[in-house]
Amino acid sequence: MNTNAVFYHAGCPVCVDAEQQLAGALDPARYQVEIVHLGQQRERIGEAAAAGVASVPALVIGGLPLHINFGAHLTDL
C-alpha cells in the first residue's frame, strides 16, 4: 500500500530544485507522489493551508507537512 505524498510548490527556482531533489527521490513503491504547482493551480491553495502548509516548497506525507527551505509564503501566492 502506497502512502500519499503531495509536494506543493510555486514554480520558483528553490521549489523546482526541491521537487527534483526530494520528490523525485521518494520510493514509488512506498509513496504515491502528486506534484501541485500552486502558481498554476491557485484553487488548491486552501487545500494546502488546510494540510498545514505555511510556505512552499512543502511536502505533505501522511498528513504531516514538511517545509523545505523557504521559497514563498502561501499568502504571497
PDB file of N, CA and C in Angstrom:
ATOM      1  N   MET A   1       0.838  -1.185   0.000  1.00  0.00           N
ATOM      2  CA  MET A   1       0.000   0.000   0.000  1.00  0.00           C
ATOM      3  C   MET A   1       0.880   1.245   0.000  1.00  0.00           C
ATOM      4  N   ASN A   2       0.608   2.156  -0.913  1.00  0.00           N
ATOM      5  CA  ASN A   2       1.375   3.388  -1.019  1.00  0.00           C
ATOM      6  C   ASN A   2       0.814   4.460  -0.097  1.00  0.00           C
ATOM      7  N   THR A   3       1.701   5.257   0.467  1.00  0.00           N
ATOM      8  CA  THR A   3       1.328   6.422   1.251  1.00  0.00           C
ATOM      9  C   THR A   3       1.249   7.603   0.305  1.00  0.00           C
ATOM     10  N   ASN A   4       0.205   8.413   0.439  1.00  0.00           N
ATOM     11  CA  ASN A   4       0.088   9.608  -0.390  1.00  0.00           C
ATOM     12  C   ASN A   4       1.074  10.666   0.079  1.00  0.00           C
ATOM     13  N   ALA A   5       1.708  11.301  -0.877  1.00  0.00           N
ATOM     14  CA  ALA A   5       2.614  12.410  -0.613  1.00  0.00           C
ATOM     15  C   ALA A   5       2.274  13.506  -1.614  1.00  0.00           C
ATOM     16  N   VAL A   6       2.071  14.721  -1.123  1.00  0.00           N
ATOM     17  CA  VAL A   6       1.757  15.842  -2.005  1.00  0.00           C
ATOM     18  C   VAL A   6       2.856  16.881  -1.856  1.00  0.00           C
ATOM     19  N   PHE A   7       3.481  17.210  -2.973  1.00  0.00           N
ATOM     20  CA  PHE A   7       4.542  18.215  -2.995  1.00  0.00           C
ATOM     21  C   PHE A   7       3.947  19.501  -3.553  1.00  0.00           C
ATOM     22  N   TYR A   8       3.859  20.527  -2.696  1.00  0.00           N
ATOM     23  CA  TYR A   8       3.321  21.825  -3.102  1.00  0.00           C
ATOM     24  C   TYR A   8       4.472  22.768  -3.411  1.00  0.00           C
ATOM     25  N   HIS A   9       4.353  23.493  -4.525  1.00  0.00           N
ATOM     26  CA  HIS A   9       5.370  24.492  -4.840  1.00  0.00           C
ATOM     27  C   HIS A   9       4.758  25.594  -5.687  1.00  0.00           C
ATOM     28  N   ALA A  10       5.544  26.630  -5.952  1.00  0.00           N
ATOM     29  CA  ALA A  10       5.047  27.785  -6.694  1.00  0.00           C
ATOM     30  C   ALA A  10       5.853  28.049  -7.963  1.00  0.00           C
ATOM     31  N   GLY A  11       6.744  27.142  -8.314  1.00  0.00           N
ATOM     32  CA  GLY A  11       7.495  27.284  -9.553  1.00  0.00           C
ATOM     33  C   GLY A  11       8.777  28.094  -9.455  1.00  0.00           C
ATOM     34  N   CYS A  12       9.104  28.608  -8.283  1.00  0.00           N
ATOM     35  CA  CYS A  12      10.339  29.377  -8.132  1.00  0.00           C
ATOM     36  C   CYS A  12      11.546  28.429  -8.223  1.00  0.00           C
ATOM     37  N   PRO A  13      12.739  28.954  -8.438  1.00  0.00           N
ATOM     38  CA  PRO A  13      13.915  28.092  -8.537  1.00  0.00           C
ATOM     39  C   PRO A  13      14.134  27.200  -7.311  1.00  0.00           C
ATOM     40  N   VAL A  14      13.880  27.733  -6.114  1.00  0.00           N
ATOM     41  CA  VAL A  14      14.026  26.938  -4.892  1.00  0.00           C
ATOM     42  C   VAL A  14      13.052  25.760  -4.936  1.00  0.00           C
ATOM     43  N   CYS A  15      11.814  26.039  -5.367  1.00  0.00           N
ATOM     44  CA  CYS A  15      10.785  24.995  -5.426  1.00  0.00           C
ATOM     45  C   CYS A  15      11.114  23.928  -6.458  1.00  0.00           C
ATOM     46  N   VAL A  16      11.539  24.352  -7.621  1.00  0.00           N
ATOM     47  CA  VAL A  16      11.852  23.406  -8.690  1.00  0.00           C
ATOM     48  C   VAL A  16      13.017  22.512  -8.285  1.00  0.00           C
ATOM     49  N   ASP A  17      14.025  23.090  -7.659  1.00  0.00           N
ATOM     50  CA  ASP A  17      15.159  22.305  -7.187  1.00  0.00           C
ATOM     51  C   ASP A  17      14.722  21.295  -6.136  1.00  0.00           C
ATOM     52  N   ALA A  18      13.883  21.726  -5.202  1.00  0.00           N
ATOM     53  CA  ALA A  18      13.387  20.815  -4.161  1.00  0.00           C
ATOM     54  C   ALA A  18      12.554  19.695  -4.770  1.00  0.00           C
ATOM     55  N   GLU A  19      11.739  20.029  -5.770  1.00  0.00           N
ATOM     56  CA  GLU A  19      10.946  18.994  -6.445  1.00  0.00           C
ATOM     57  C   GLU A  19      11.862  17.950  -7.073  1.00  0.00           C
ATOM     58  N   GLN A  20      12.867  18.392  -7.787  1.00  0.00           N
ATOM     59  CA  GLN A  20      13.776  17.466  -8.461  1.00  0.00           C
ATOM     60  C   GLN A  20      14.570  16.629  -7.465  1.00  0.00           C
ATOM     61  N   GLN A  21      15.014  17.244  -6.381  1.00  0.00           N
ATOM     62  CA  GLN A  21      15.864  16.550  -5.427  1.00  0.00           C
ATOM     63  C   GLN A  21      15.090  15.674  -4.446  1.00  0.00           C
ATOM     64  N   LEU A  22      13.980  16.175  -3.935  1.00  0.00           N
ATOM     65  CA  LEU A  22      13.282  15.468  -2.865  1.00  0.00           C
ATOM     66  C   LEU A  22      12.122  14.621  -3.372  1.00  0.00           C
ATOM     67  N   ALA A  23      11.194  15.242  -4.057  1.00  0.00           N
ATOM     68  CA  ALA A  23      10.017  14.496  -4.518  1.00  0.00           C
ATOM     69  C   ALA A  23      10.436  13.376  -5.461  1.00  0.00           C
ATOM     70  N   GLY A  24      11.432  13.634  -6.285  1.00  0.00           N
ATOM     71  CA  GLY A  24      11.916  12.615  -7.211  1.00  0.00           C
ATOM     72  C   GLY A  24      12.673  11.493  -6.531  1.00  0.00           C
ATOM     73  N   ALA A  25      13.114  11.712  -5.301  1.00  0.00           N
ATOM     74  CA  ALA A  25      13.886  10.699  -4.580  1.00  0.00           C
ATOM     75  C   ALA A  25      13.010   9.732  -3.787  1.00  0.00           C
ATOM     76  N   LEU A  26      11.723  10.042  -3.656  1.00  0.00           N
ATOM     77  CA  LEU A  26      10.838   9.159  -2.894  1.00  0.00           C
ATOM     78  C   LEU A  26      10.611   7.849  -3.647  1.00  0.00           C
ATOM     79  N   ASP A  27      10.635   6.769  -2.934  1.00  0.00           N
ATOM     80  CA  ASP A  27      10.459   5.433  -3.500  1.00  0.00           C
ATOM     81  C   ASP A  27       9.019   5.274  -4.001  1.00  0.00           C
ATOM     82  N   PRO A  28       8.818   5.116  -5.322  1.00  0.00           N
ATOM     83  CA  PRO A  28       7.457   4.984  -5.853  1.00  0.00           C
ATOM     84  C   PRO A  28       6.738   3.720  -5.379  1.00  0.00           C
ATOM     85  N   ALA A  29       7.469   2.758  -4.853  1.00  0.00           N
ATOM     86  CA  ALA A  29       6.842   1.563  -4.298  1.00  0.00           C
ATOM     87  C   ALA A  29       6.223   1.861  -2.936  1.00  0.00           C
ATOM     88  N   ARG A  30       6.663   2.943  -2.303  1.00  0.00           N
ATOM     89  CA  ARG A  30       6.165   3.309  -0.965  1.00  0.00           C
ATOM     90  C   ARG A  30       5.280   4.549  -0.969  1.00  0.00           C
ATOM     91  N   TYR A  31       5.516   5.465  -1.929  1.00  0.00           N
ATOM     92  CA  TYR A  31       4.815   6.735  -1.930  1.00  0.00           C
ATOM     93  C   TYR A  31       4.191   7.032  -3.286  1.00  0.00           C
ATOM     94  N   GLN A  32       2.942   7.457  -3.256  1.00  0.00           N
ATOM     95  CA  GLN A  32       2.281   7.961  -4.447  1.00  0.00           C
ATOM     96  C   GLN A  32       2.400   9.475  -4.383  1.00  0.00           C
ATOM     97  N   VAL A  33       3.279  10.039  -5.210  1.00  0.00           N
ATOM     98  CA  VAL A  33       3.597  11.465  -5.137  1.00  0.00           C
ATOM     99  C   VAL A  33       2.762  12.252  -6.141  1.00  0.00           C
ATOM    100  N   GLU A  34       2.133  13.312  -5.646  1.00  0.00           N
ATOM    101  CA  GLU A  34       1.416  14.247  -6.501  1.00  0.00           C
ATOM    102  C   GLU A  34       2.133  15.587  -6.405  1.00  0.00           C
ATOM    103  N   ILE A  35       2.412  16.193  -7.540  1.00  0.00           N
ATOM    104  CA  ILE A  35       3.061  17.500  -7.587  1.00  0.00           C
ATOM    105  C   ILE A  35       1.977  18.545  -7.845  1.00  0.00           C
ATOM    106  N   VAL A  36       1.906  19.555  -6.985  1.00  0.00           N
ATOM    107  CA  VAL A  36       0.910  20.611  -7.127  1.00  0.00           C
ATOM    108  C   VAL A  36       1.633  21.948  -7.248  1.00  0.00           C
ATOM    109  N   HIS A  37       1.533  22.556  -8.415  1.00  0.00           N
ATOM    110  CA  HIS A  37       2.125  23.868  -8.687  1.00  0.00           C
ATOM    111  C   HIS A  37       1.057  24.909  -8.337  1.00  0.00           C
ATOM    112  N   LEU A  38       1.197  25.528  -7.180  1.00  0.00           N
ATOM    113  CA  LEU A  38       0.174  26.454  -6.695  1.00  0.00           C
ATOM    114  C   LEU A  38       0.099  27.742  -7.511  1.00  0.00           C
ATOM    115  N   GLY A  39       1.124  28.057  -8.253  1.00  0.00           N
ATOM    116  CA  GLY A  39       1.068  29.214  -9.146  1.00  0.00           C
ATOM    117  C   GLY A  39       0.126  28.951 -10.313  1.00  0.00           C
ATOM    118  N   GLN A  40       0.008  27.696 -10.711  1.00  0.00           N
ATOM    119  CA  GLN A  40      -0.866  27.308 -11.810  1.00  0.00           C
ATOM    120  C   GLN A  40      -2.185  26.717 -11.325  1.00  0.00           C
ATOM    121  N   GLN A  41      -2.215  26.233 -10.087  1.00  0.00           N
ATOM    122  CA  GLN A  41      -3.411  25.612  -9.525  1.00  0.00           C
ATOM    123  C   GLN A  41      -3.821  26.366  -8.258  1.00  0.00           C
ATOM    124  N   ARG A  42      -4.099  27.645  -8.431  1.00  0.00           N
ATOM    125  CA  ARG A  42      -4.397  28.519  -7.294  1.00  0.00           C
ATOM    126  C   ARG A  42      -5.602  28.038  -6.495  1.00  0.00           C
ATOM    127  N   GLU A  43      -6.505  27.309  -7.118  1.00  0.00           N
ATOM    128  CA  GLU A  43      -7.689  26.804  -6.415  1.00  0.00           C
ATOM    129  C   GLU A  43      -7.329  25.797  -5.333  1.00  0.00           C
ATOM    130  N   ARG A  44      -6.082  25.340  -5.309  1.00  0.00           N
ATOM    131  CA  ARG A  44      -5.657  24.355  -4.312  1.00  0.00           C
ATOM    132  C   ARG A  44      -4.887  24.977  -3.144  1.00  0.00           C
ATOM    133  N   ILE A  45      -4.771  26.310  -3.116  1.00  0.00           N
ATOM    134  CA  ILE A  45      -4.076  26.984  -2.021  1.00  0.00           C
ATOM    135  C   ILE A  45      -4.782  26.701  -0.691  1.00  0.00           C
ATOM    136  N   GLY A  46      -6.099  26.741  -0.675  1.00  0.00           N
ATOM    137  CA  GLY A  46      -6.849  26.450   0.545  1.00  0.00           C
ATOM    138  C   GLY A  46      -6.605  25.036   1.044  1.00  0.00           C
ATOM    139  N   GLU A  47      -6.510  24.102   0.120  1.00  0.00           N
ATOM    140  CA  GLU A  47      -6.197  22.698   0.456  1.00  0.00           C
ATOM    141  C   GLU A  47      -4.833  22.608   1.119  1.00  0.00           C
ATOM    142  N   ALA A  48      -3.853  23.310   0.540  1.00  0.00           N
ATOM    143  CA  ALA A  48      -2.505  23.301   1.101  1.00  0.00           C
ATOM    144  C   ALA A  48      -2.509  23.892   2.507  1.00  0.00           C
ATOM    145  N   ALA A  49      -3.204  25.005   2.683  1.00  0.00           N
ATOM    146  CA  ALA A  49      -3.279  25.643   4.000  1.00  0.00           C
ATOM    147  C   ALA A  49      -3.945  24.715   5.012  1.00  0.00           C
ATOM    148  N   ALA A  50      -5.010  24.040   4.589  1.00  0.00           N
ATOM    149  CA  ALA A  50      -5.713  23.113   5.487  1.00  0.00           C
ATOM    150  C   ALA A  50      -4.830  21.934   5.882  1.00  0.00           C
ATOM    151  N   ALA A  51      -3.869  21.590   5.023  1.00  0.00           N
ATOM    152  CA  ALA A  51      -2.940  20.492   5.321  1.00  0.00           C
ATOM    153  C   ALA A  51      -1.802  20.946   6.224  1.00  0.00           C
ATOM    154  N   GLY A  52      -1.774  22.259   6.568  1.00  0.00           N
ATOM    155  CA  GLY A  52      -0.735  22.772   7.454  1.00  0.00           C
ATOM    156  C   GLY A  52       0.430  23.417   6.746  1.00  0.00           C
ATOM    157  N   VAL A  53       0.340  23.562   5.435  1.00  0.00           N
ATOM    158  CA  VAL A  53       1.422  24.190   4.667  1.00  0.00           C
ATOM    159  C   VAL A  53       1.360  25.694   4.885  1.00  0.00           C
ATOM    160  N   ALA A  54       2.472  26.274   5.319  1.00  0.00           N
ATOM    161  CA  ALA A  54       2.553  27.715   5.542  1.00  0.00           C
ATOM    162  C   ALA A  54       3.384  28.393   4.465  1.00  0.00           C
ATOM    163  N   SER A  55       4.341  27.651   3.892  1.00  0.00           N
ATOM    164  CA  SER A  55       5.192  28.189   2.841  1.00  0.00           C
ATOM    165  C   SER A  55       5.560  27.049   1.899  1.00  0.00           C
ATOM    166  N   VAL A  56       5.970  27.435   0.720  1.00  0.00           N
ATOM    167  CA  VAL A  56       6.399  26.441  -0.272  1.00  0.00           C
ATOM    168  C   VAL A  56       7.867  26.655  -0.581  1.00  0.00           C
ATOM    169  N   PRO A  57       8.575  25.614  -0.933  1.00  0.00           N
ATOM    170  CA  PRO A  57       8.114  24.259  -1.184  1.00  0.00           C
ATOM    171  C   PRO A  57       7.822  23.513   0.116  1.00  0.00           C
ATOM    172  N   ALA A  58       6.850  22.616   0.038  1.00  0.00           N
ATOM    173  CA  ALA A  58       6.488  21.789   1.187  1.00  0.00           C
ATOM    174  C   ALA A  58       6.008  20.430   0.687  1.00  0.00           C
ATOM    175  N   LEU A  59       6.286  19.421   1.470  1.00  0.00           N
ATOM    176  CA  LEU A  59       5.872  18.069   1.157  1.00  0.00           C
ATOM    177  C   LEU A  59       4.978  17.592   2.292  1.00  0.00           C
ATOM    178  N   VAL A  60       3.785  17.126   1.954  1.00  0.00           N
ATOM    179  CA  VAL A  60       2.865  16.600   2.955  1.00  0.00           C
ATOM    180  C   VAL A  60       2.826  15.084   2.778  1.00  0.00           C
ATOM    181  N   ILE A  61       3.291  14.375   3.797  1.00  0.00           N
ATOM    182  CA  ILE A  61       3.303  12.911   3.775  1.00  0.00           C
ATOM    183  C   ILE A  61       2.479  12.418   4.954  1.00  0.00           C
ATOM    184  N   GLY A  62       1.487  11.596   4.655  1.00  0.00           N
ATOM    185  CA  GLY A  62       0.668  11.040   5.726  1.00  0.00           C
ATOM    186  C   GLY A  62       0.021  12.101   6.591  1.00  0.00           C
ATOM    187  N   GLY A  63      -0.315  13.256   6.011  1.00  0.00           N
ATOM    188  CA  GLY A  63      -0.976  14.322   6.750  1.00  0.00           C
ATOM    189  C   GLY A  63      -0.045  15.249   7.499  1.00  0.00           C
ATOM    190  N   LEU A  64       1.268  15.018   7.434  1.00  0.00           N
ATOM    191  CA  LEU A  64       2.231  15.875   8.135  1.00  0.00           C
ATOM    192  C   LEU A  64       2.970  16.763   7.141  1.00  0.00           C
ATOM    193  N   PRO A  65       2.876  18.102   7.297  1.00  0.00           N
ATOM    194  CA  PRO A  65       3.593  18.987   6.383  1.00  0.00           C
ATOM    195  C   PRO A  65       5.077  19.098   6.749  1.00  0.00           C
ATOM    196  N   LEU A  66       5.908  18.977   5.751  1.00  0.00           N
ATOM    197  CA  LEU A  66       7.354  19.149   5.916  1.00  0.00           C
ATOM    198  C   LEU A  66       7.768  20.346   5.070  1.00  0.00           C
ATOM    199  N   HIS A  67       8.173  21.420   5.718  1.00  0.00           N
ATOM    200  CA  HIS A  67       8.583  22.619   4.994  1.00  0.00           C
ATOM    201  C   HIS A  67      10.055  22.494   4.611  1.00  0.00           C
ATOM    202  N   ILE A  68      10.323  22.707   3.341  1.00  0.00           N
ATOM    203  CA  ILE A  68      11.656  22.503   2.778  1.00  0.00           C
ATOM    204  C   ILE A  68      12.197  23.857   2.319  1.00  0.00           C
ATOM    205  N   ASN A  69      13.073  24.452   3.075  1.00  0.00           N
ATOM    206  CA  ASN A  69      13.601  25.750   2.689  1.00  0.00           C
ATOM    207  C   ASN A  69      12.465  26.766   2.701  1.00  0.00           C
ATOM    208  N   PHE A  70      12.689  27.940   2.165  1.00  0.00           N
ATOM    209  CA  PHE A  70      11.629  28.947   2.118  1.00  0.00           C
ATOM    210  C   PHE A  70      11.652  29.606   0.756  1.00  0.00           C
ATOM    211  N   GLY A  71      10.638  29.301  -0.033  1.00  0.00           N
ATOM    212  CA  GLY A  71      10.502  29.914  -1.349  1.00  0.00           C
ATOM    213  C   GLY A  71       9.515  31.066  -1.313  1.00  0.00           C
ATOM    214  N   ALA A  72       8.308  30.783  -0.786  1.00  0.00           N
ATOM    215  CA  ALA A  72       7.268  31.808  -0.699  1.00  0.00           C
ATOM    216  C   ALA A  72       6.229  31.389   0.345  1.00  0.00           C
ATOM    217  N   HIS A  73       5.702  32.378   1.045  1.00  0.00           N
ATOM    218  CA  HIS A  73       4.619  32.142   1.999  1.00  0.00           C
ATOM    219  C   HIS A  73       3.329  31.978   1.190  1.00  0.00           C
ATOM    220  N   LEU A  74       2.416  31.150   1.683  1.00  0.00           N
ATOM    221  CA  LEU A  74       1.150  30.930   0.963  1.00  0.00           C
ATOM    222  C   LEU A  74       0.400  32.234   0.724  1.00  0.00           C
ATOM    223  N   THR A  75       0.482  33.171   1.654  1.00  0.00           N
ATOM    224  CA  THR A  75      -0.240  34.427   1.476  1.00  0.00           C
ATOM    225  C   THR A  75       0.338  35.269   0.339  1.00  0.00           C
ATOM    226  N   ASP A  76       1.552  34.950  -0.109  1.00  0.00           N
ATOM    227  CA  ASP A  76       2.170  35.677  -1.220  1.00  0.00           C
ATOM    228  C   ASP A  76       1.740  35.128  -2.577  1.00  0.00           C
ATOM    229  N   LEU A  77       1.077  33.980  -2.558  1.00  0.00           N
ATOM    230  CA  LEU A  77       0.660  33.370  -3.822  1.00  0.00           C
ATOM    231  C   LEU A  77      -0.618  33.965  -4.249  1.00  0.00           C
TER     232      LEU A  77
END
